[in-house]
Amino acid sequence: MQGTSTVTWLRIASAVVVGFGILLVLAAVPATSAPVAFLADGIIWPFDGAQSLGASETRLLSGILGGVMAGWGVLLWMIATRLYPREPALARTLILTSIWVWFVVDGIGSALAGAPLNILMNCGFLALFVVPLLPARRQATAS
């Protein structure tokens, strides 16, 4: 993948992270929590409709985590669009380090919470960033 297509892919991936963060914030309101409740029900097997996200502490954490995720997505967007074109090696390091730390910590938390299926779903988010950056790294090392 060349520089501009890598940046385009990273912008899309960052927008997905922001969008998911906004979805989590919306889950803090019972009237708009259905998509995240459905997702949680699918992740916390069996698929039985038991996850309502109705507890106030669950709604609070959804709002906080949604804000953190949206902010992280904006940061990833800015790294991809402003830093990557000038310093691709540094941008790759920043993005990949943050993605891998998130993946490991989130995976451990998911396993501890009894939701190991979330690790599989997180592989999709991981791939959004790793797929465009690994070939770019190989191209940079070959140059």
C-alpha atoms as a PDB file:
ATOM      1  CA  MET A   1       0.000   0.000   0.000  1.00  0.00           C
ATOM      2  CA  GLN A   2       1.387   3.378  -0.898  1.00  0.00           C
ATOM      3  CA  GLY A   3       1.289   6.479   1.309  1.00  0.00           C
ATOM      4  CA  THR A   4      -2.000   8.011   0.145  1.00  0.00           C
ATOM      5  CA  SER A   5      -3.918   4.730   0.153  1.00  0.00           C
ATOM      6  CA  THR A   6      -2.517   3.941   3.623  1.00  0.00           C
ATOM      7  CA  VAL A   7      -3.691   7.331   4.893  1.00  0.00           C
ATOM      8  CA  THR A   8      -7.122   6.796   3.321  1.00  0.00           C
ATOM      9  CA  TRP A   9      -7.449   3.367   4.942  1.00  0.00           C
ATOM     10  CA  LEU A  10      -6.305   4.753   8.308  1.00  0.00           C
ATOM     11  CA  ARG A  11      -8.811   7.604   8.062  1.00  0.00           C
ATOM     12  CA  ILE A  12     -11.607   5.107   7.465  1.00  0.00           C
ATOM     13  CA  ALA A  13     -10.399   2.939  10.363  1.00  0.00           C
ATOM     14  CA  SER A  14     -10.220   5.999  12.634  1.00  0.00           C
ATOM     15  CA  ALA A  15     -13.737   7.022  11.619  1.00  0.00           C
ATOM     16  CA  VAL A  16     -14.956   3.523  12.547  1.00  0.00           C
ATOM     17  CA  VAL A  17     -13.382   3.919  16.010  1.00  0.00           C
ATOM     18  CA  VAL A  18     -15.023   7.340  16.453  1.00  0.00           C
ATOM     19  CA  GLY A  19     -18.346   5.935  15.255  1.00  0.00           C
ATOM     20  CA  PHE A  20     -18.161   3.053  17.710  1.00  0.00           C
ATOM     21  CA  GLY A  21     -17.348   5.521  20.482  1.00  0.00           C
ATOM     22  CA  ILE A  22     -20.424   7.567  19.606  1.00  0.00           C
ATOM     23  CA  LEU A  23     -22.501   4.371  19.582  1.00  0.00           C
ATOM     24  CA  LEU A  24     -21.250   3.615  23.107  1.00  0.00           C
ATOM     25  CA  VAL A  25     -22.158   7.130  24.265  1.00  0.00           C
ATOM     26  CA  LEU A  26     -25.651   6.678  22.835  1.00  0.00           C
ATOM     27  CA  ALA A  27     -25.942   3.464  24.866  1.00  0.00           C
ATOM     28  CA  ALA A  28     -25.819   5.631  27.994  1.00  0.00           C
ATOM     29  CA  VAL A  29     -29.387   6.665  27.166  1.00  0.00           C
ATOM     30  CA  PRO A  30     -31.896   3.818  27.529  1.00  0.00           C
ATOM     31  CA  ALA A  31     -33.903   4.965  24.492  1.00  0.00           C
ATOM     32  CA  THR A  32     -30.837   4.641  22.208  1.00  0.00           C
ATOM     33  CA  SER A  33     -29.071   1.691  23.832  1.00  0.00           C
ATOM     34  CA  ALA A  34     -30.577  -1.105  21.710  1.00  0.00           C
ATOM     35  CA  PRO A  35     -27.683  -1.517  19.216  1.00  0.00           C
ATOM     36  CA  VAL A  36     -25.066  -1.852  21.968  1.00  0.00           C
ATOM     37  CA  ALA A  37     -27.356  -4.049  24.091  1.00  0.00           C
ATOM     38  CA  PHE A  38     -27.811  -6.321  21.053  1.00  0.00           C
ATOM     39  CA  LEU A  39     -24.040  -6.403  20.529  1.00  0.00           C
ATOM     40  CA  ALA A  40     -23.409  -7.156  24.208  1.00  0.00           C
ATOM     41  CA  ASP A  41     -26.000  -9.920  24.116  1.00  0.00           C
ATOM     42  CA  GLY A  42     -24.213 -11.505  21.177  1.00  0.00           C
ATOM     43  CA  ILE A  43     -20.808 -11.233  22.851  1.00  0.00           C
ATOM     44  CA  ILE A  44     -21.937 -12.488  26.254  1.00  0.00           C
ATOM     45  CA  TRP A  45     -23.212 -15.885  25.214  1.00  0.00           C
ATOM     46  CA  PRO A  46     -25.859 -17.241  25.052  1.00  0.00           C
ATOM     47  CA  PHE A  47     -27.818 -14.886  22.852  1.00  0.00           C
ATOM     48  CA  ASP A  48     -30.820 -14.563  25.155  1.00  0.00           C
ATOM     49  CA  GLY A  49     -31.748 -10.885  25.537  1.00  0.00           C
ATOM     50  CA  ALA A  50     -30.494 -10.783  29.126  1.00  0.00           C
ATOM     51  CA  GLN A  51     -28.161  -7.807  28.593  1.00  0.00           C
ATOM     52  CA  SER A  52     -30.179  -4.617  28.991  1.00  0.00           C
ATOM     53  CA  LEU A  53     -27.484  -2.061  29.881  1.00  0.00           C
ATOM     54  CA  GLY A  54     -30.088  -0.597  32.229  1.00  0.00           C
ATOM     55  CA  ALA A  55     -27.982  -0.210  35.363  1.00  0.00           C
ATOM     56  CA  SER A  56     -26.885   3.378  35.997  1.00  0.00           C
ATOM     57  CA  GLU A  57     -23.240   2.351  36.479  1.00  0.00           C
ATOM     58  CA  THR A  58     -23.323   0.486  33.148  1.00  0.00           C
ATOM     59  CA  ARG A  59     -24.722   3.565  31.420  1.00  0.00           C
ATOM     60  CA  LEU A  60     -22.091   5.753  33.096  1.00  0.00           C
ATOM     61  CA  LEU A  61     -19.237   3.502  31.988  1.00  0.00           C
ATOM     62  CA  SER A  62     -20.692   3.312  28.489  1.00  0.00           C
ATOM     63  CA  GLY A  63     -20.677   7.102  28.273  1.00  0.00           C
ATOM     64  CA  ILE A  64     -17.139   7.392  29.635  1.00  0.00           C
ATOM     65  CA  LEU A  65     -15.725   4.602  27.471  1.00  0.00           C
ATOM     66  CA  GLY A  66     -17.525   5.941  24.412  1.00  0.00           C
ATOM     67  CA  GLY A  67     -15.926   9.332  24.974  1.00  0.00           C
ATOM     68  CA  VAL A  68     -12.482   7.777  25.410  1.00  0.00           C
ATOM     69  CA  MET A  69     -12.930   5.692  22.264  1.00  0.00           C
ATOM     70  CA  ALA A  70     -14.160   8.656  20.215  1.00  0.00           C
ATOM     71  CA  GLY A  71     -11.221  10.749  21.434  1.00  0.00           C
ATOM     72  CA  TRP A  72      -8.765   7.958  20.612  1.00  0.00           C
ATOM     73  CA  GLY A  73     -10.295   7.693  17.128  1.00  0.00           C
ATOM     74  CA  VAL A  74      -9.823  11.436  16.577  1.00  0.00           C
ATOM     75  CA  LEU A  75      -6.201  11.139  17.731  1.00  0.00           C
ATOM     76  CA  LEU A  76      -5.644   8.226  15.335  1.00  0.00           C
ATOM     77  CA  TRP A  77      -7.217  10.311  12.537  1.00  0.00           C
ATOM     78  CA  MET A  78      -4.879  13.223  13.269  1.00  0.00           C
ATOM     79  CA  ILE A  79      -1.814  10.970  13.373  1.00  0.00           C
ATOM     80  CA  ALA A  80      -2.865   9.388  10.071  1.00  0.00           C
ATOM     81  CA  THR A  81      -3.574  12.652   8.281  1.00  0.00           C
ATOM     82  CA  ARG A  82      -1.035  15.066   9.767  1.00  0.00           C
ATOM     83  CA  LEU A  83       1.917  12.995  10.943  1.00  0.00           C
ATOM     84  CA  TYR A  84       1.923   9.937   8.677  1.00  0.00           C
ATOM     85  CA  PRO A  85       2.576  11.880   5.443  1.00  0.00           C
ATOM     86  CA  ARG A  86       5.639  13.600   7.025  1.00  0.00           C
ATOM     87  CA  GLU A  87       6.969  10.908   9.381  1.00  0.00           C
ATOM     88  CA  PRO A  88       5.467   7.542   8.469  1.00  0.00           C
ATOM     89  CA  ALA A  89       7.768   5.499  10.736  1.00  0.00           C
ATOM     90  CA  LEU A  90       6.843   7.518  13.829  1.00  0.00           C
ATOM     91  CA  ALA A  91       3.144   7.499  12.917  1.00  0.00           C
ATOM     92  CA  ARG A  92       3.216   3.702  12.412  1.00  0.00           C
ATOM     93  CA  THR A  93       4.907   3.231  15.790  1.00  0.00           C
ATOM     94  CA  LEU A  94       2.390   5.447  17.600  1.00  0.00           C
ATOM     95  CA  ILE A  95      -0.638   3.835  15.968  1.00  0.00           C
ATOM     96  CA  LEU A  96       0.527   0.233  16.236  1.00  0.00           C
ATOM     97  CA  THR A  97       1.681   0.616  19.833  1.00  0.00           C
ATOM     98  CA  SER A  98      -1.658   2.075  20.927  1.00  0.00           C
ATOM     99  CA  ILE A  99      -3.643  -0.526  18.954  1.00  0.00           C
ATOM    100  CA  TRP A 100      -1.686  -3.468  20.373  1.00  0.00           C
ATOM    101  CA  VAL A 101      -1.904  -2.143  23.959  1.00  0.00           C
ATOM    102  CA  TRP A 102      -5.662  -1.684  23.534  1.00  0.00           C
ATOM    103  CA  PHE A 103      -6.019  -5.163  22.021  1.00  0.00           C
ATOM    104  CA  VAL A 104      -4.116  -6.941  24.808  1.00  0.00           C
ATOM    105  CA  VAL A 105      -5.691  -5.019  27.697  1.00  0.00           C
ATOM    106  CA  ASP A 106      -9.209  -5.212  26.239  1.00  0.00           C
ATOM    107  CA  GLY A 107      -8.722  -8.912  25.517  1.00  0.00           C
ATOM    108  CA  ILE A 108      -7.629  -9.650  29.073  1.00  0.00           C
ATOM    109  CA  GLY A 109     -10.559  -7.635  30.432  1.00  0.00           C
ATOM    110  CA  SER A 110     -12.976  -9.419  28.109  1.00  0.00           C
ATOM    111  CA  ALA A 111     -11.698 -12.830  29.192  1.00  0.00           C
ATOM    112  CA  LEU A 112     -11.905 -11.860  32.875  1.00  0.00           C
ATOM    113  CA  ALA A 113     -15.467 -10.597  32.348  1.00  0.00           C
ATOM    114  CA  GLY A 114     -16.480 -13.912  30.818  1.00  0.00           C
ATOM    115  CA  ALA A 115     -16.823 -12.505  27.295  1.00  0.00           C
ATOM    116  CA  PRO A 116     -13.989 -14.126  25.305  1.00  0.00           C
ATOM    117  CA  LEU A 117     -16.010 -13.757  22.099  1.00  0.00           C
ATOM    118  CA  ASN A 118     -15.214 -10.033  22.313  1.00  0.00           C
ATOM    119  CA  ILE A 119     -11.566 -10.874  21.624  1.00  0.00           C
ATOM    120  CA  LEU A 120     -12.596 -12.322  18.270  1.00  0.00           C
ATOM    121  CA  MET A 121     -14.601  -9.187  17.485  1.00  0.00           C
ATOM    122  CA  ASN A 122     -11.650  -7.021  18.514  1.00  0.00           C
ATOM    123  CA  CYS A 123      -9.592  -8.753  15.826  1.00  0.00           C
ATOM    124  CA  GLY A 124     -11.659  -6.778  13.307  1.00  0.00           C
ATOM    125  CA  PHE A 125     -10.679  -3.450  14.882  1.00  0.00           C
ATOM    126  CA  LEU A 126      -7.074  -4.617  15.092  1.00  0.00           C
ATOM    127  CA  ALA A 127      -7.053  -5.565  11.409  1.00  0.00           C
ATOM    128  CA  LEU A 128      -8.369  -2.121  10.427  1.00  0.00           C
ATOM    129  CA  PHE A 129      -5.027  -0.657  11.497  1.00  0.00           C
ATOM    130  CA  VAL A 130      -2.535  -3.501  11.184  1.00  0.00           C
ATOM    131  CA  VAL A 131      -3.468  -4.421   7.601  1.00  0.00           C
ATOM    132  CA  PRO A 132      -2.490  -1.059   6.058  1.00  0.00           C
ATOM    133  CA  LEU A 133       0.527  -0.477   8.310  1.00  0.00           C
ATOM    134  CA  LEU A 134       2.409  -3.765   8.050  1.00  0.00           C
ATOM    135  CA  PRO A 135       2.913  -3.601   4.267  1.00  0.00           C
ATOM    136  CA  ALA A 136       3.896   0.076   4.637  1.00  0.00           C
ATOM    137  CA  ARG A 137       6.512  -0.958   7.210  1.00  0.00           C
ATOM    138  CA  ARG A 138       7.920  -3.639   4.883  1.00  0.00           C
ATOM    139  CA  GLN A 139       8.111  -1.087   2.039  1.00  0.00           C
ATOM    140  CA  ALA A 140       9.940   1.386   4.280  1.00  0.00           C
ATOM    141  CA  THR A 141      12.434  -1.248   5.420  1.00  0.00           C
ATOM    142  CA  ALA A 142      13.043  -2.342   1.840  1.00  0.00           C
ATOM    143  CA  SER A 143      13.794   1.233   0.712  1.00  0.00           C
END
